[in-house]
Amino acid sequence: MSVLVHPSAQVADGAELAEGVVVGPYCVVGSRVCIGAGSRLEAFVRVHDFVTLGSDCCVHENTVLGGAPQDRSYKGEETWLHIGDGNIIRENVTINRGTGEGGETVVGDRCFLMAGVHLAHNVRLGDEVTLTNNVPLAGYVTVGSHTVFGGMSGAHQFTRVGSYCMIGGLYRVIKDVPPYTLASGDPLRLKGLNSVGLRRAGFSAAMRRDILNFYRRLYRKDVLFSQSLKEALAEKESLAPELRVILDFYEGSRRGVTFWDTSGHSAHEPD
């Protein structure tokens, strides 16, 4: 299958378009761009220099990929945006390149970025992340695989969200959100496990129960969190891999971690 470029599109010399790429009407593609096999740019897409887009991606109208970072410290250094395979990027999405020499913004595979999403400089998304309409992620935010952000929620710069999380719509992430959890409220609090997401991902009922009990142990009322975390770290090597992921996340926190909401109990029960 050959490359198809609409007559009204502008593709600069030097751009690398793999087999089966389709460039729609009025798109503009820079010279330092590589687009993988089978990917499609709908109308009015702008792909700046220093962007790699993987195979089998679909980028919808009025999206801008690889724009200069919105960062006062950026001085024109060469930075990149790397987007993996199989991603769906809907209308009016903006994804900026990294900042700082060699800086990168990275999107994994099979992510779904809905209309109006903004990824700032140096953001990193894992695989199969879903960001629903009008979600902005500030600079250096990291989101683990299989996590979902509800509509019009957002994340403060440098925050981290673990894998298999669900962030409720209209809420802001200002501290790290650990793996497997459901978070909502203002201020944001952990409301329980992301049981639906875990079940769909193949986590057994027994494992979901083990994860919940582990969190209950960390956040029990009779012991300071720092002490319960220290106790858990002491036996880390004997724990299941799914539980070690939680401890690894806490050890990597720099902004502090969102705490468990102890005002109710029903939301804590796995289904």
Protein backbone atom coordinates (compact mmCIF):
# COMPACT_ATOMS: atom_id res chain seq x y z
CA MET A 1 0.00 0.00 0.00
CA SER A 2 1.45 3.34 -1.02
CA VAL A 3 1.58 6.60 0.92
CA LEU A 4 -1.39 8.89 0.24
CA VAL A 5 -0.91 12.64 0.64
CA HIS A 6 -3.79 14.98 -0.14
CA PRO A 7 -2.88 17.67 -2.71
CA SER A 8 -3.59 20.45 -0.19
CA ALA A 9 -1.25 18.98 2.47
CA GLN A 10 2.34 20.14 2.94
CA VAL A 11 4.93 17.48 3.74
CA ALA A 12 8.46 18.83 4.08
CA ASP A 13 11.43 17.18 2.42
CA GLY A 14 13.09 14.81 4.86
CA ALA A 15 9.89 13.62 6.53
CA GLU A 16 9.76 9.81 6.71
CA LEU A 17 6.34 8.33 5.91
CA ALA A 18 6.10 4.56 6.11
CA GLU A 19 3.95 2.28 3.98
CA GLY A 20 0.22 2.97 4.15
CA VAL A 21 0.42 6.41 5.79
CA VAL A 22 -2.44 8.76 4.87
CA VAL A 23 -2.01 12.54 5.19
CA GLY A 24 -5.34 14.33 4.94
CA PRO A 25 -6.37 17.75 3.61
CA TYR A 26 -4.46 20.82 4.79
CA CYS A 27 -2.10 18.91 7.09
CA VAL A 28 1.42 20.27 7.64
CA VAL A 29 4.25 17.84 8.40
CA GLY A 30 7.77 18.97 9.29
CA SER A 31 11.03 17.64 7.93
CA ARG A 32 12.24 16.00 11.20
CA VAL A 33 9.20 13.74 11.46
CA CYS A 34 8.85 9.96 11.25
CA ILE A 35 5.36 8.41 10.87
CA GLY A 36 4.90 4.63 11.15
CA ALA A 37 3.09 2.27 8.82
CA GLY A 38 -0.67 2.56 8.52
CA SER A 39 -1.03 5.77 10.51
CA ARG A 40 -3.52 8.38 9.40
CA LEU A 41 -3.65 12.16 9.78
CA GLU A 42 -7.13 13.58 9.30
CA ALA A 43 -7.64 17.15 8.07
CA PHE A 44 -5.78 20.17 9.49
CA VAL A 45 -3.26 18.20 11.60
CA ARG A 46 0.06 19.93 12.31
CA VAL A 47 3.10 17.74 13.06
CA HIS A 48 6.12 19.85 13.98
CA ASP A 49 9.75 18.81 13.71
CA PHE A 50 11.25 16.36 16.21
CA VAL A 51 8.25 14.02 16.35
CA THR A 52 8.00 10.27 15.93
CA LEU A 53 4.53 8.78 15.51
CA GLY A 54 4.21 4.99 15.61
CA SER A 55 2.26 2.65 13.38
CA ASP A 56 -1.53 2.34 13.10
CA CYS A 57 -2.27 5.64 14.85
CA CYS A 58 -5.22 7.86 13.96
CA VAL A 59 -4.81 11.59 14.57
CA HIS A 60 -7.99 13.63 14.21
CA GLU A 61 -8.71 17.16 13.06
CA ASN A 62 -6.99 20.28 14.40
CA THR A 63 -4.47 18.38 16.52
CA VAL A 64 -0.97 19.79 17.00
CA LEU A 65 1.87 17.37 17.73
CA GLY A 66 5.32 18.46 18.84
CA GLY A 67 4.78 22.16 19.42
CA ALA A 68 7.46 23.99 21.39
CA PRO A 69 7.09 23.50 25.16
CA GLN A 70 5.14 26.15 27.05
CA ASP A 71 8.02 26.64 29.45
CA ARG A 72 9.92 29.89 30.13
CA SER A 73 13.15 27.96 30.56
CA TYR A 74 13.01 26.57 27.02
CA LYS A 75 15.75 28.15 24.87
CA GLY A 76 15.24 26.37 21.58
CA GLU A 77 17.27 23.24 22.38
CA GLU A 78 16.50 20.07 20.40
CA THR A 79 13.84 18.08 22.22
CA TRP A 80 11.42 15.37 21.05
CA LEU A 81 7.94 13.93 21.17
CA HIS A 82 7.71 10.15 20.84
CA ILE A 83 4.30 8.54 20.33
CA GLY A 84 3.93 4.76 20.22
CA ASP A 85 1.75 2.43 18.16
CA GLY A 86 -2.00 2.10 17.87
CA ASN A 87 -2.94 5.40 19.50
CA ILE A 88 -6.20 7.26 18.91
CA ILE A 89 -5.76 11.03 19.21
CA ARG A 90 -9.00 12.93 18.83
CA GLU A 91 -9.82 16.52 17.84
CA ASN A 92 -7.98 19.59 19.16
CA VAL A 93 -5.35 17.67 21.12
CA THR A 94 -2.02 19.43 21.76
CA ILE A 95 1.10 17.52 22.77
CA ASN A 96 4.29 19.53 23.33
CA ARG A 97 7.88 18.37 22.99
CA GLY A 98 10.12 18.06 26.03
CA THR A 99 12.19 20.84 27.51
CA GLY A 100 15.84 20.75 28.55
CA GLU A 101 18.60 19.37 26.32
CA GLY A 102 17.49 15.91 25.19
CA GLY A 103 14.12 16.25 26.94
CA GLU A 104 11.28 14.03 25.71
CA THR A 105 7.53 13.81 25.93
CA VAL A 106 6.50 10.16 25.59
CA VAL A 107 3.16 8.50 24.83
CA GLY A 108 3.02 4.71 25.01
CA ASP A 109 1.03 2.27 22.87
CA ARG A 110 -2.75 2.05 22.36
CA CYS A 111 -3.61 5.18 24.33
CA PHE A 112 -6.89 7.01 23.77
CA LEU A 113 -6.61 10.79 24.03
CA MET A 114 -10.04 12.35 23.62
CA ALA A 115 -10.96 15.83 22.39
CA GLY A 116 -9.15 18.79 23.93
CA VAL A 117 -6.47 16.85 25.82
CA HIS A 118 -3.22 18.74 26.46
CA LEU A 119 0.08 17.03 27.32
CA ALA A 120 2.73 19.50 28.43
CA HIS A 121 6.49 19.10 28.13
CA ASN A 122 8.16 15.97 29.49
CA VAL A 123 4.90 14.16 30.23
CA ARG A 124 5.16 10.37 30.11
CA LEU A 125 2.18 8.08 29.52
CA GLY A 126 2.31 4.30 29.79
CA ASP A 127 0.36 1.96 27.54
CA GLU A 128 -3.44 1.94 27.16
CA VAL A 129 -3.95 5.18 29.07
CA THR A 130 -7.33 6.88 28.52
CA LEU A 131 -7.60 10.65 28.94
CA THR A 132 -11.16 11.79 28.40
CA ASN A 133 -12.30 15.18 27.12
CA ASN A 134 -10.39 18.33 28.10
CA VAL A 135 -7.84 16.71 30.42
CA PRO A 136 -4.64 18.78 30.80
CA LEU A 137 -1.47 17.24 32.24
CA ALA A 138 1.20 19.73 33.33
CA GLY A 139 4.95 19.37 32.80
CA TYR A 140 6.75 16.22 33.95
CA VAL A 141 3.56 14.38 34.92
CA THR A 142 3.88 10.58 34.73
CA VAL A 143 0.87 8.28 34.24
CA GLY A 144 1.12 4.50 34.50
CA SER A 145 -0.40 2.02 32.08
CA HIS A 146 -4.15 1.28 31.96
CA THR A 147 -5.08 4.42 33.92
CA VAL A 148 -8.16 6.53 33.14
CA PHE A 149 -8.72 10.26 33.77
CA GLY A 150 -12.33 11.44 33.86
CA GLY A 151 -13.40 14.48 31.85
CA MET A 152 -11.93 17.87 32.75
CA SER A 153 -9.71 16.44 35.47
CA GLY A 154 -6.05 17.45 35.48
CA ALA A 155 -2.67 16.94 37.09
CA HIS A 156 -0.20 19.39 38.68
CA GLN A 157 3.38 19.40 37.37
CA PHE A 158 5.68 16.62 38.59
CA THR A 159 2.81 14.49 39.95
CA ARG A 160 2.73 10.75 39.34
CA VAL A 161 -0.29 8.50 38.85
CA GLY A 162 0.23 4.76 39.10
CA SER A 163 -1.01 2.02 36.80
CA TYR A 164 -4.65 0.85 36.75
CA CYS A 165 -5.94 4.01 38.47
CA MET A 166 -9.19 5.86 37.87
CA ILE A 167 -9.28 9.64 38.43
CA GLY A 168 -12.80 11.01 38.75
CA GLY A 169 -13.98 13.76 36.41
CA LEU A 170 -13.54 17.44 37.32
CA TYR A 171 -10.91 16.75 40.00
CA ARG A 172 -7.28 17.85 40.24
CA VAL A 173 -4.28 15.70 41.08
CA ILE A 174 -1.84 17.64 43.25
CA LYS A 175 -0.10 14.68 44.93
CA ASP A 176 0.90 11.26 43.67
CA VAL A 177 -1.89 8.67 43.26
CA PRO A 178 -0.71 5.10 43.98
CA PRO A 179 -1.48 2.11 41.71
CA TYR A 180 -4.83 0.33 41.45
CA THR A 181 -6.84 3.06 43.18
CA LEU A 182 -9.94 5.14 42.53
CA ALA A 183 -9.48 8.83 43.43
CA SER A 184 -11.95 11.70 43.55
CA GLY A 185 -13.02 14.65 45.71
CA ASP A 186 -11.63 18.07 46.54
CA PRO A 187 -9.09 17.70 47.99
CA LEU A 188 -8.44 14.48 46.10
CA ARG A 189 -8.69 11.33 48.21
CA LEU A 190 -8.39 7.60 47.52
CA LYS A 191 -11.94 6.20 47.60
CA GLY A 192 -11.08 2.54 47.16
CA LEU A 193 -9.75 0.24 44.49
CA ASN A 194 -10.39 0.70 40.78
CA SER A 195 -12.23 -2.62 40.97
CA VAL A 196 -13.86 -2.40 37.55
CA GLY A 197 -10.56 -1.64 35.84
CA LEU A 198 -8.75 -4.38 37.72
CA ARG A 199 -11.42 -6.96 36.94
CA ARG A 200 -11.38 -6.06 33.25
CA ALA A 201 -7.59 -6.38 33.26
CA GLY A 202 -7.81 -9.93 34.61
CA PHE A 203 -6.94 -9.38 38.28
CA SER A 204 -8.60 -12.22 40.22
CA ALA A 205 -10.99 -11.56 43.10
CA ALA A 206 -8.35 -12.96 45.46
CA MET A 207 -5.69 -10.58 44.18
CA ARG A 208 -8.05 -7.59 44.36
CA ARG A 209 -8.78 -8.55 47.95
CA ASP A 210 -5.05 -8.85 48.72
CA ILE A 211 -4.39 -5.41 47.26
CA LEU A 212 -7.23 -3.87 49.27
CA ASN A 213 -6.05 -5.49 52.51
CA PHE A 214 -2.52 -4.27 51.84
CA TYR A 215 -3.75 -0.70 51.50
CA ARG A 216 -5.80 -1.08 54.67
CA ARG A 217 -2.67 -2.20 56.45
CA LEU A 218 -0.73 0.84 55.19
CA TYR A 219 -3.48 3.30 56.17
CA ARG A 220 -4.63 1.83 59.47
CA LYS A 221 -5.66 4.37 62.09
CA ASP A 222 -3.61 3.09 65.04
CA VAL A 223 -0.18 3.59 63.41
CA LEU A 224 1.44 6.51 61.59
CA PHE A 225 1.59 5.95 57.83
CA SER A 226 5.39 6.35 57.87
CA GLN A 227 5.66 3.50 60.37
CA SER A 228 3.29 1.15 58.52
CA LEU A 229 5.17 1.85 55.27
CA LYS A 230 8.48 1.10 56.97
CA GLU A 231 7.10 -2.21 58.24
CA ALA A 232 5.86 -3.17 54.77
CA LEU A 233 9.19 -2.25 53.16
CA ALA A 234 10.99 -4.55 55.58
CA GLU A 235 9.19 -7.56 54.08
CA LYS A 236 9.02 -6.30 50.52
CA GLU A 237 10.90 -9.19 48.92
CA SER A 238 8.41 -11.73 50.30
CA LEU A 239 5.38 -9.96 48.85
CA ALA A 240 3.53 -10.67 45.60
CA PRO A 241 4.76 -8.64 42.61
CA GLU A 242 1.48 -6.69 42.51
CA LEU A 243 2.11 -5.50 46.06
CA ARG A 244 5.77 -4.69 45.47
CA VAL A 245 4.61 -2.33 42.72
CA ILE A 246 2.78 -0.30 45.39
CA LEU A 247 5.87 -0.04 47.57
CA ASP A 248 8.08 0.90 44.61
CA PHE A 249 5.65 3.71 43.85
CA TYR A 250 5.77 5.09 47.39
CA GLU A 251 9.56 4.93 47.44
CA GLY A 252 9.66 7.05 44.27
CA SER A 253 7.36 9.79 45.54
CA ARG A 254 8.70 13.34 45.74
CA ARG A 255 5.49 15.40 46.00
CA GLY A 256 3.80 13.28 48.66
CA VAL A 257 1.00 10.78 48.15
CA THR A 258 -2.77 11.18 48.10
CA PHE A 259 -4.27 9.72 51.27
CA TRP A 260 -7.11 7.29 51.80
CA ASP A 261 -10.58 8.64 52.56
CA THR A 262 -11.61 7.05 55.84
CA SER A 263 -15.02 8.75 56.04
CA GLY A 264 -16.86 5.77 54.52
CA HIS A 265 -16.38 2.06 53.97
CA SER A 266 -18.62 0.77 51.19
CA ALA A 267 -16.38 2.13 48.42
CA HIS A 268 -13.44 0.17 49.84
CA GLU A 269 -14.94 -3.25 49.21
CA PRO A 270 -13.82 -5.10 46.06
CA ASP A 271 -16.64 -6.36 43.85
